[in-house]
Structure formats: structure tokens, C-alpha cells
């Protein structure tokens, strides 16, 4: 599951670059799709993290996810 998560995260980053990069199409629909995808990645990250780590430091990474979600929404 960790490798699949890593690949899905890279796929998301590539999609984000294709939308916001040169020649990309930054639309409200594209942003909604990125938000939905990132929300799913965030949930999967939390599940994977808690399966092997203590919850004490997870907030650091979850904050980063949330900042990106906020930037895509607003």
C-alpha cells in the first residue's frame, strides 16, 4: 500500500502541474477534482501513518495537506 500511495501522490503532483503549469487549464472543475483527489490522498496517508507510527507528529503533514486544499479551494 505504501508504494501505491507514493505512485498515486506522484500522479496527483503531475496532474496539478499539468493544470497550473504552462499551457495548463486552471478551471473550477479541475480544482474541484484536485481537491477531491487530494482529500482522498490525505485520508489514505492518515491510515498508513497510524498503522505504523504514533499519532503525535501526524499533525505536521496533515497541516501541509490542508494548506494545499485551502489554496485550491480559494
PDB file of N, CA and C in Angstrom:
ATOM      1  N   UNK A   1       0.804  -1.227   0.000  1.00  0.00           N
ATOM      2  CA  UNK A   1       0.000   0.000   0.000  1.00  0.00           C
ATOM      3  C   UNK A   1       0.839   1.281   0.000  1.00  0.00           C
ATOM      4  N   UNK A   2       2.061   1.208   0.538  1.00  0.00           N
ATOM      5  CA  UNK A   2       2.905   2.407   0.591  1.00  0.00           C
ATOM      6  C   UNK A   2       3.390   2.811  -0.796  1.00  0.00           C
ATOM      7  N   UNK A   3       3.777   1.822  -1.591  1.00  0.00           N
ATOM      8  CA  UNK A   3       4.237   2.126  -2.948  1.00  0.00           C
ATOM      9  C   UNK A   3       3.096   2.652  -3.803  1.00  0.00           C
ATOM     10  N   UNK A   4       1.934   2.068  -3.656  1.00  0.00           N
ATOM     11  CA  UNK A   4       0.777   2.523  -4.425  1.00  0.00           C
ATOM     12  C   UNK A   4       0.423   3.956  -4.029  1.00  0.00           C
ATOM     13  N   UNK A   5       0.485   4.235  -2.733  1.00  0.00           N
ATOM     14  CA  UNK A   5       0.226   5.596  -2.265  1.00  0.00           C
ATOM     15  C   UNK A   5       1.254   6.573  -2.852  1.00  0.00           C
ATOM     16  N   UNK A   6       2.515   6.164  -2.862  1.00  0.00           N
ATOM     17  CA  UNK A   6       3.566   7.027  -3.418  1.00  0.00           C
ATOM     18  C   UNK A   6       3.319   7.307  -4.897  1.00  0.00           C
ATOM     19  N   UNK A   7       2.958   6.292  -5.646  1.00  0.00           N
ATOM     20  CA  UNK A   7       2.685   6.466  -7.076  1.00  0.00           C
ATOM     21  C   UNK A   7       1.469   7.370  -7.274  1.00  0.00           C
ATOM     22  N   UNK A   8       0.424   7.160  -6.493  1.00  0.00           N
ATOM     23  CA  UNK A   8      -0.768   7.998  -6.608  1.00  0.00           C
ATOM     24  C   UNK A   8      -0.474   9.450  -6.242  1.00  0.00           C
ATOM     25  N   UNK A   9       0.412   9.652  -5.286  1.00  0.00           N
ATOM     26  CA  UNK A   9       0.810  11.006  -4.896  1.00  0.00           C
ATOM     27  C   UNK A   9       1.583  11.681  -6.034  1.00  0.00           C
ATOM     28  N   UNK A  10       2.471  10.942  -6.657  1.00  0.00           N
ATOM     29  CA  UNK A  10       3.215  11.481  -7.804  1.00  0.00           C
ATOM     30  C   UNK A  10       2.276  11.779  -8.973  1.00  0.00           C
ATOM     31  N   UNK A  11       1.304  10.905  -9.187  1.00  0.00           N
ATOM     32  CA  UNK A  11       0.313  11.129 -10.249  1.00  0.00           C
ATOM     33  C   UNK A  11      -0.467  12.408  -9.978  1.00  0.00           C
ATOM     34  N   UNK A  12      -0.831  12.618  -8.728  1.00  0.00           N
ATOM     35  CA  UNK A  12      -1.546  13.840  -8.351  1.00  0.00           C
ATOM     36  C   UNK A  12      -0.676  15.074  -8.617  1.00  0.00           C
ATOM     37  N   UNK A  13       0.585  14.995  -8.251  1.00  0.00           N
ATOM     38  CA  UNK A  13       1.502  16.118  -8.474  1.00  0.00           C
ATOM     39  C   UNK A  13       1.634  16.419  -9.971  1.00  0.00           C
ATOM     40  N   UNK A  14       1.687  15.381 -10.772  1.00  0.00           N
ATOM     41  CA  UNK A  14       1.781  15.580 -12.228  1.00  0.00           C
ATOM     42  C   UNK A  14       0.513  16.230 -12.766  1.00  0.00           C
ATOM     43  N   UNK A  15      -0.633  15.794 -12.282  1.00  0.00           N
ATOM     44  CA  UNK A  15      -1.907  16.412 -12.710  1.00  0.00           C
ATOM     45  C   UNK A  15      -1.944  17.880 -12.310  1.00  0.00           C
ATOM     46  N   UNK A  16      -1.513  18.153 -11.085  1.00  0.00           N
ATOM     47  CA  UNK A  16      -1.507  19.529 -10.593  1.00  0.00           C
ATOM     48  C   UNK A  16      -0.601  20.401 -11.475  1.00  0.00           C
ATOM     49  N   UNK A  17       0.552  19.876 -11.823  1.00  0.00           N
ATOM     50  CA  UNK A  17       1.481  20.607 -12.687  1.00  0.00           C
ATOM     51  C   UNK A  17       0.873  20.831 -14.073  1.00  0.00           C
ATOM     52  N   UNK A  18       0.178  19.822 -14.585  1.00  0.00           N
ATOM     53  CA  UNK A  18      -0.417  19.977 -15.916  1.00  0.00           C
ATOM     54  C   UNK A  18      -1.548  21.002 -15.914  1.00  0.00           C
ATOM     55  N   UNK A  19      -2.188  21.188 -14.779  1.00  0.00           N
ATOM     56  CA  UNK A  19      -3.272  22.168 -14.685  1.00  0.00           C
ATOM     57  C   UNK A  19      -2.741  23.580 -14.467  1.00  0.00           C
ATOM     58  N   UNK A  20      -1.767  23.718 -13.581  1.00  0.00           N
ATOM     59  CA  UNK A  20      -1.265  25.048 -13.233  1.00  0.00           C
ATOM     60  C   UNK A  20      -0.010  25.453 -13.988  1.00  0.00           C
ATOM     61  N   UNK A  21       0.611  24.501 -14.667  1.00  0.00           N
ATOM     62  CA  UNK A  21       1.824  24.805 -15.408  1.00  0.00           C
ATOM     63  C   UNK A  21       1.532  25.517 -16.706  1.00  0.00           C
ATOM     64  N   UNK A  22       2.576  25.806 -17.401  1.00  0.00           N
ATOM     65  CA  UNK A  22       2.477  26.499 -18.690  1.00  0.00           C
ATOM     66  C   UNK A  22       1.576  25.721 -19.640  1.00  0.00           C
ATOM     67  N   UNK A  23       0.593  26.406 -20.173  1.00  0.00           N
ATOM     68  CA  UNK A  23      -0.336  25.782 -21.108  1.00  0.00           C
ATOM     69  C   UNK A  23      -1.439  24.985 -20.433  1.00  0.00           C
ATOM     70  N   UNK A  24      -1.454  24.983 -19.103  1.00  0.00           N
ATOM     71  CA  UNK A  24      -2.472  24.227 -18.380  1.00  0.00           C
ATOM     72  C   UNK A  24      -3.817  24.927 -18.395  1.00  0.00           C
ATOM     73  N   UNK A  25      -4.828  24.210 -17.971  1.00  0.00           N
ATOM     74  CA  UNK A  25      -6.183  24.765 -17.952  1.00  0.00           C
ATOM     75  C   UNK A  25      -6.681  24.788 -16.517  1.00  0.00           C
ATOM     76  N   UNK A  26      -6.483  25.902 -15.851  1.00  0.00           N
ATOM     77  CA  UNK A  26      -6.924  26.088 -14.471  1.00  0.00           C
ATOM     78  C   UNK A  26      -8.400  26.477 -14.482  1.00  0.00           C
ATOM     79  N   UNK A  27      -9.253  25.492 -14.254  1.00  0.00           N
ATOM     80  CA  UNK A  27     -10.690  25.736 -14.228  1.00  0.00           C
ATOM     81  C   UNK A  27     -11.246  25.359 -12.854  1.00  0.00           C
ATOM     82  N   UNK A  28     -12.444  25.812 -12.566  1.00  0.00           N
ATOM     83  CA  UNK A  28     -13.088  25.471 -11.297  1.00  0.00           C
ATOM     84  C   UNK A  28     -13.269  23.955 -11.196  1.00  0.00           C
ATOM     85  N   UNK A  29     -13.633  23.316 -12.285  1.00  0.00           N
ATOM     86  CA  UNK A  29     -13.820  21.857 -12.293  1.00  0.00           C
ATOM     87  C   UNK A  29     -12.496  21.141 -12.010  1.00  0.00           C
ATOM     88  N   UNK A  30     -11.421  21.593 -12.628  1.00  0.00           N
ATOM     89  CA  UNK A  30     -10.110  20.974 -12.401  1.00  0.00           C
ATOM     90  C   UNK A  30      -9.699  21.120 -10.943  1.00  0.00           C
ATOM     91  N   UNK A  31      -9.948  22.280 -10.356  1.00  0.00           N
ATOM     92  CA  UNK A  31      -9.624  22.487  -8.939  1.00  0.00           C
ATOM     93  C   UNK A  31     -10.457  21.582  -8.038  1.00  0.00           C
ATOM     94  N   UNK A  32     -11.735  21.429  -8.358  1.00  0.00           N
ATOM     95  CA  UNK A  32     -12.586  20.531  -7.558  1.00  0.00           C
ATOM     96  C   UNK A  32     -12.072  19.100  -7.629  1.00  0.00           C
ATOM     97  N   UNK A  33     -11.675  18.678  -8.809  1.00  0.00           N
ATOM     98  CA  UNK A  33     -11.145  17.317  -8.976  1.00  0.00           C
ATOM     99  C   UNK A  33      -9.844  17.135  -8.200  1.00  0.00           C
ATOM    100  N   UNK A  34      -8.968  18.139  -8.253  1.00  0.00           N
ATOM    101  CA  UNK A  34      -7.723  18.067  -7.485  1.00  0.00           C
ATOM    102  C   UNK A  34      -8.008  18.011  -5.990  1.00  0.00           C
ATOM    103  N   UNK A  35      -8.964  18.813  -5.527  1.00  0.00           N
ATOM    104  CA  UNK A  35      -9.330  18.806  -4.100  1.00  0.00           C
ATOM    105  C   UNK A  35      -9.848  17.439  -3.672  1.00  0.00           C
ATOM    106  N   UNK A  36     -10.702  16.857  -4.485  1.00  0.00           N
ATOM    107  CA  UNK A  36     -11.251  15.541  -4.160  1.00  0.00           C
ATOM    108  C   UNK A  36     -10.143  14.493  -4.122  1.00  0.00           C
ATOM    109  N   UNK A  37      -9.271  14.549  -5.102  1.00  0.00           N
ATOM    110  CA  UNK A  37      -8.159  13.603  -5.160  1.00  0.00           C
ATOM    111  C   UNK A  37      -7.238  13.776  -3.952  1.00  0.00           C
ATOM    112  N   UNK A  38      -6.914  15.016  -3.634  1.00  0.00           N
ATOM    113  CA  UNK A  38      -6.023  15.284  -2.515  1.00  0.00           C
ATOM    114  C   UNK A  38      -6.671  14.903  -1.184  1.00  0.00           C
ATOM    115  N   UNK A  39      -7.958  15.106  -1.050  1.00  0.00           N
ATOM    116  CA  UNK A  39      -8.655  14.699   0.175  1.00  0.00           C
ATOM    117  C   UNK A  39      -8.552  13.192   0.369  1.00  0.00           C
ATOM    118  N   UNK A  40      -8.696  12.454  -0.719  1.00  0.00           N
ATOM    119  CA  UNK A  40      -8.536  11.001  -0.649  1.00  0.00           C
ATOM    120  C   UNK A  40      -7.123  10.604  -0.273  1.00  0.00           C
ATOM    121  N   UNK A  41      -6.139  11.293  -0.851  1.00  0.00           N
ATOM    122  CA  UNK A  41      -4.744  11.012  -0.504  1.00  0.00           C
ATOM    123  C   UNK A  41      -4.474  11.316   0.976  1.00  0.00           C
ATOM    124  N   UNK A  42      -5.069  12.371   1.456  1.00  0.00           N
ATOM    125  CA  UNK A  42      -4.906  12.757   2.854  1.00  0.00           C
ATOM    126  C   UNK A  42      -5.462  11.669   3.790  1.00  0.00           C
ATOM    127  N   UNK A  43      -6.633  11.151   3.458  1.00  0.00           N
ATOM    128  CA  UNK A  43      -7.224  10.071   4.270  1.00  0.00           C
ATOM    129  C   UNK A  43      -6.356   8.822   4.222  1.00  0.00           C
ATOM    130  N   UNK A  44      -5.867   8.486   3.040  1.00  0.00           N
ATOM    131  CA  UNK A  44      -5.007   7.308   2.900  1.00  0.00           C
ATOM    132  C   UNK A  44      -3.700   7.494   3.662  1.00  0.00           C
ATOM    133  N   UNK A  45      -3.131   8.698   3.594  1.00  0.00           N
ATOM    134  CA  UNK A  45      -1.906   8.979   4.339  1.00  0.00           C
ATOM    135  C   UNK A  45      -2.131   8.740   5.827  1.00  0.00           C
ATOM    136  N   UNK A  46      -3.234   9.262   6.330  1.00  0.00           N
ATOM    137  CA  UNK A  46      -3.536   9.122   7.760  1.00  0.00           C
ATOM    138  C   UNK A  46      -3.651   7.645   8.149  1.00  0.00           C
ATOM    139  N   UNK A  47      -4.333   6.874   7.338  1.00  0.00           N
ATOM    140  CA  UNK A  47      -4.476   5.440   7.614  1.00  0.00           C
ATOM    141  C   UNK A  47      -3.121   4.748   7.614  1.00  0.00           C
ATOM    142  N   UNK A  48      -2.313   5.029   6.593  1.00  0.00           N
ATOM    143  CA  UNK A  48      -0.990   4.402   6.500  1.00  0.00           C
ATOM    144  C   UNK A  48      -0.103   4.832   7.660  1.00  0.00           C
ATOM    145  N   UNK A  49      -0.130   6.091   7.996  1.00  0.00           N
ATOM    146  CA  UNK A  49       0.690   6.603   9.093  1.00  0.00           C
ATOM    147  C   UNK A  49       0.325   5.916  10.405  1.00  0.00           C
ATOM    148  N   UNK A  50      -0.955   5.907  10.716  1.00  0.00           N
ATOM    149  CA  UNK A  50      -1.403   5.379  12.002  1.00  0.00           C
ATOM    150  C   UNK A  50      -1.204   3.874  12.126  1.00  0.00           C
ATOM    151  N   UNK A  51      -1.051   3.191  10.995  1.00  0.00           N
ATOM    152  CA  UNK A  51      -0.787   1.755  11.030  1.00  0.00           C
ATOM    153  C   UNK A  51       0.616   1.440  11.532  1.00  0.00           C
ATOM    154  N   UNK A  52       1.546   2.411  11.413  1.00  0.00           N
ATOM    155  CA  UNK A  52       2.941   2.130  11.770  1.00  0.00           C
ATOM    156  C   UNK A  52       3.603   3.157  12.675  1.00  0.00           C
ATOM    157  N   UNK A  53       2.934   4.264  12.926  1.00  0.00           N
ATOM    158  CA  UNK A  53       3.558   5.347  13.681  1.00  0.00           C
ATOM    159  C   UNK A  53       2.638   5.839  14.792  1.00  0.00           C
ATOM    160  N   UNK A  54       3.223   6.581  15.676  1.00  0.00           N
ATOM    161  CA  UNK A  54       2.430   7.241  16.710  1.00  0.00           C
ATOM    162  C   UNK A  54       1.722   8.439  16.092  1.00  0.00           C
ATOM    163  N   UNK A  55       0.568   8.775  16.627  1.00  0.00           N
ATOM    164  CA  UNK A  55      -0.175   9.895  16.049  1.00  0.00           C
ATOM    165  C   UNK A  55       0.391  11.277  16.389  1.00  0.00           C
ATOM    166  N   UNK A  56       1.361  11.347  17.275  1.00  0.00           N
ATOM    167  CA  UNK A  56       1.815  12.648  17.776  1.00  0.00           C
ATOM    168  C   UNK A  56       2.322  13.613  16.707  1.00  0.00           C
ATOM    169  N   UNK A  57       2.993  13.150  15.691  1.00  0.00           N
ATOM    170  CA  UNK A  57       3.579  14.045  14.686  1.00  0.00           C
ATOM    171  C   UNK A  57       2.796  14.109  13.377  1.00  0.00           C
ATOM    172  N   UNK A  58       1.710  13.399  13.283  1.00  0.00           N
ATOM    173  CA  UNK A  58       0.944  13.376  12.035  1.00  0.00           C
ATOM    174  C   UNK A  58       0.385  14.756  11.702  1.00  0.00           C
ATOM    175  N   UNK A  59       0.142  15.546  12.716  1.00  0.00           N
ATOM    176  CA  UNK A  59      -0.458  16.866  12.508  1.00  0.00           C
ATOM    177  C   UNK A  59       0.402  17.752  11.611  1.00  0.00           C
ATOM    178  N   UNK A  60       1.702  17.561  11.634  1.00  0.00           N
ATOM    179  CA  UNK A  60       2.608  18.370  10.810  1.00  0.00           C
ATOM    180  C   UNK A  60       2.290  18.173   9.324  1.00  0.00           C
ATOM    181  N   UNK A  61       2.201  16.932   8.912  1.00  0.00           N
ATOM    182  CA  UNK A  61       1.931  16.649   7.500  1.00  0.00           C
ATOM    183  C   UNK A  61       0.479  16.945   7.147  1.00  0.00           C
ATOM    184  N   UNK A  62      -0.447  16.654   8.054  1.00  0.00           N
ATOM    185  CA  UNK A  62      -1.850  16.946   7.770  1.00  0.00           C
ATOM    186  C   UNK A  62      -2.074  18.441   7.588  1.00  0.00           C
ATOM    187  N   UNK A  63      -1.317  19.256   8.312  1.00  0.00           N
ATOM    188  CA  UNK A  63      -1.399  20.710   8.136  1.00  0.00           C
ATOM    189  C   UNK A  63      -0.977  21.108   6.727  1.00  0.00           C
ATOM    190  N   UNK A  64       0.053  20.461   6.218  1.00  0.00           N
ATOM    191  CA  UNK A  64       0.520  20.754   4.858  1.00  0.00           C
ATOM    192  C   UNK A  64      -0.527  20.379   3.828  1.00  0.00           C
ATOM    193  N   UNK A  65      -1.113  19.205   3.998  1.00  0.00           N
ATOM    194  CA  UNK A  65      -2.207  18.812   3.101  1.00  0.00           C
ATOM    195  C   UNK A  65      -3.317  19.861   3.142  1.00  0.00           C
ATOM    196  N   UNK A  66      -3.686  20.286   4.343  1.00  0.00           N
ATOM    197  CA  UNK A  66      -4.785  21.235   4.492  1.00  0.00           C
ATOM    198  C   UNK A  66      -4.466  22.580   3.835  1.00  0.00           C
ATOM    199  N   UNK A  67      -3.223  23.025   3.955  1.00  0.00           N
ATOM    200  CA  UNK A  67      -2.832  24.288   3.301  1.00  0.00           C
ATOM    201  C   UNK A  67      -3.005  24.200   1.789  1.00  0.00           C
ATOM    202  N   UNK A  68      -2.625  23.074   1.223  1.00  0.00           N
ATOM    203  CA  UNK A  68      -2.782  22.897  -0.218  1.00  0.00           C
ATOM    204  C   UNK A  68      -4.263  22.865  -0.578  1.00  0.00           C
ATOM    205  N   UNK A  69      -5.059  22.119   0.193  1.00  0.00           N
ATOM    206  CA  UNK A  69      -6.506  22.094  -0.062  1.00  0.00           C
ATOM    207  C   UNK A  69      -7.101  23.492  -0.002  1.00  0.00           C
ATOM    208  N   UNK A  70      -6.704  24.259   1.009  1.00  0.00           N
ATOM    209  CA  UNK A  70      -7.201  25.634   1.141  1.00  0.00           C
ATOM    210  C   UNK A  70      -6.810  26.487  -0.064  1.00  0.00           C
ATOM    211  N   UNK A  71      -5.583  26.312  -0.543  1.00  0.00           N
ATOM    212  CA  UNK A  71      -5.141  27.112  -1.683  1.00  0.00           C
ATOM    213  C   UNK A  71      -5.881  26.734  -2.960  1.00  0.00           C
ATOM    214  N   UNK A  72      -6.256  25.478  -3.092  1.00  0.00           N
ATOM    215  CA  UNK A  72      -7.007  25.043  -4.267  1.00  0.00           C
ATOM    216  C   UNK A  72      -8.458  25.495  -4.216  1.00  0.00           C
ATOM    217  N   UNK A  73      -8.983  25.615  -3.013  1.00  0.00           N
ATOM    218  CA  UNK A  73     -10.387  25.996  -2.843  1.00  0.00           C
ATOM    219  C   UNK A  73     -10.605  27.498  -2.972  1.00  0.00           C
ATOM    220  N   UNK A  74      -9.602  28.266  -2.607  1.00  0.00           N
ATOM    221  CA  UNK A  74      -9.809  29.708  -2.553  1.00  0.00           C
ATOM    222  C   UNK A  74      -9.136  30.491  -3.562  1.00  0.00           C
TER     223      UNK A  74
END
